[in-house]
Structures are given as C-alpha cells and as structure tokens.
Amino acid sequence: MTDWRDSMVDRPTEEGAYTAGWTVSGLAVLGAIVAIWVFGI
C-alpha cells in the first residue's frame, strides 16, 4: 500500500509546465475575484 502514484500529488517531470499551470490557475482565480469585485456579482 506504500507504492502509489497520484497525478494530483506527484510533480510532473516538466518543471516549466508545472509552473505555467500553477501560474495560469492563479491568474484565473485572481481574474475571477477581480471580476466579481468590479461587477458586484
């Protein structure tokens, strides 16, 4: 039970793709927060 793999936990071998994915995700979250704040939804 100790030998397991999970794509959500294991970091991919491509460090650039990993960083870009988190950057895009962070910008999307910030964009959503700003949109909600600006439009008062």
Protein backbone atom coordinates (compact mmCIF):
# COMPACT_ATOMS: atom_id res chain seq x y z
CA MET A 1 0.00 0.00 0.00
CA THR A 2 3.02 2.29 0.17
CA ASP A 3 3.77 2.24 -3.58
CA TRP A 4 1.15 4.54 -5.09
CA ARG A 5 1.03 7.32 -7.65
CA ASP A 6 -1.37 10.23 -7.90
CA SER A 7 -1.18 12.84 -10.64
CA MET A 8 -2.52 15.46 -8.22
CA VAL A 9 0.32 14.79 -5.76
CA ASP A 10 3.29 13.82 -7.90
CA ARG A 11 5.06 16.70 -9.58
CA PRO A 12 5.46 16.22 -13.31
CA THR A 13 8.93 15.93 -14.78
CA GLU A 14 8.41 19.08 -16.85
CA GLU A 15 9.09 21.85 -14.34
CA GLY A 16 8.12 24.55 -16.84
CA ALA A 17 4.71 23.01 -17.50
CA TYR A 18 4.14 22.63 -13.76
CA THR A 19 5.00 26.29 -13.11
CA ALA A 20 2.97 27.52 -16.08
CA GLY A 21 -0.06 25.52 -14.97
CA TRP A 22 0.01 26.99 -11.48
CA THR A 23 0.59 30.48 -12.88
CA VAL A 24 -2.38 30.23 -15.24
CA SER A 25 -4.51 28.78 -12.46
CA GLY A 26 -3.54 31.58 -10.08
CA LEU A 27 -4.22 34.26 -12.66
CA ALA A 28 -7.61 32.72 -13.42
CA VAL A 29 -8.55 32.79 -9.73
CA LEU A 30 -7.37 36.39 -9.34
CA GLY A 31 -9.24 37.36 -12.51
CA ALA A 32 -12.44 35.81 -11.18
CA ILE A 33 -12.08 37.61 -7.85
CA VAL A 34 -11.47 40.96 -9.56
CA ALA A 35 -14.39 40.40 -11.95
CA ILE A 36 -16.73 39.66 -9.05
CA TRP A 37 -15.47 42.73 -7.19
CA VAL A 38 -15.73 45.06 -10.23
CA PHE A 39 -19.14 43.87 -11.43
CA GLY A 40 -20.55 43.38 -7.94
CA ILE A 41 -21.99 40.00 -8.79
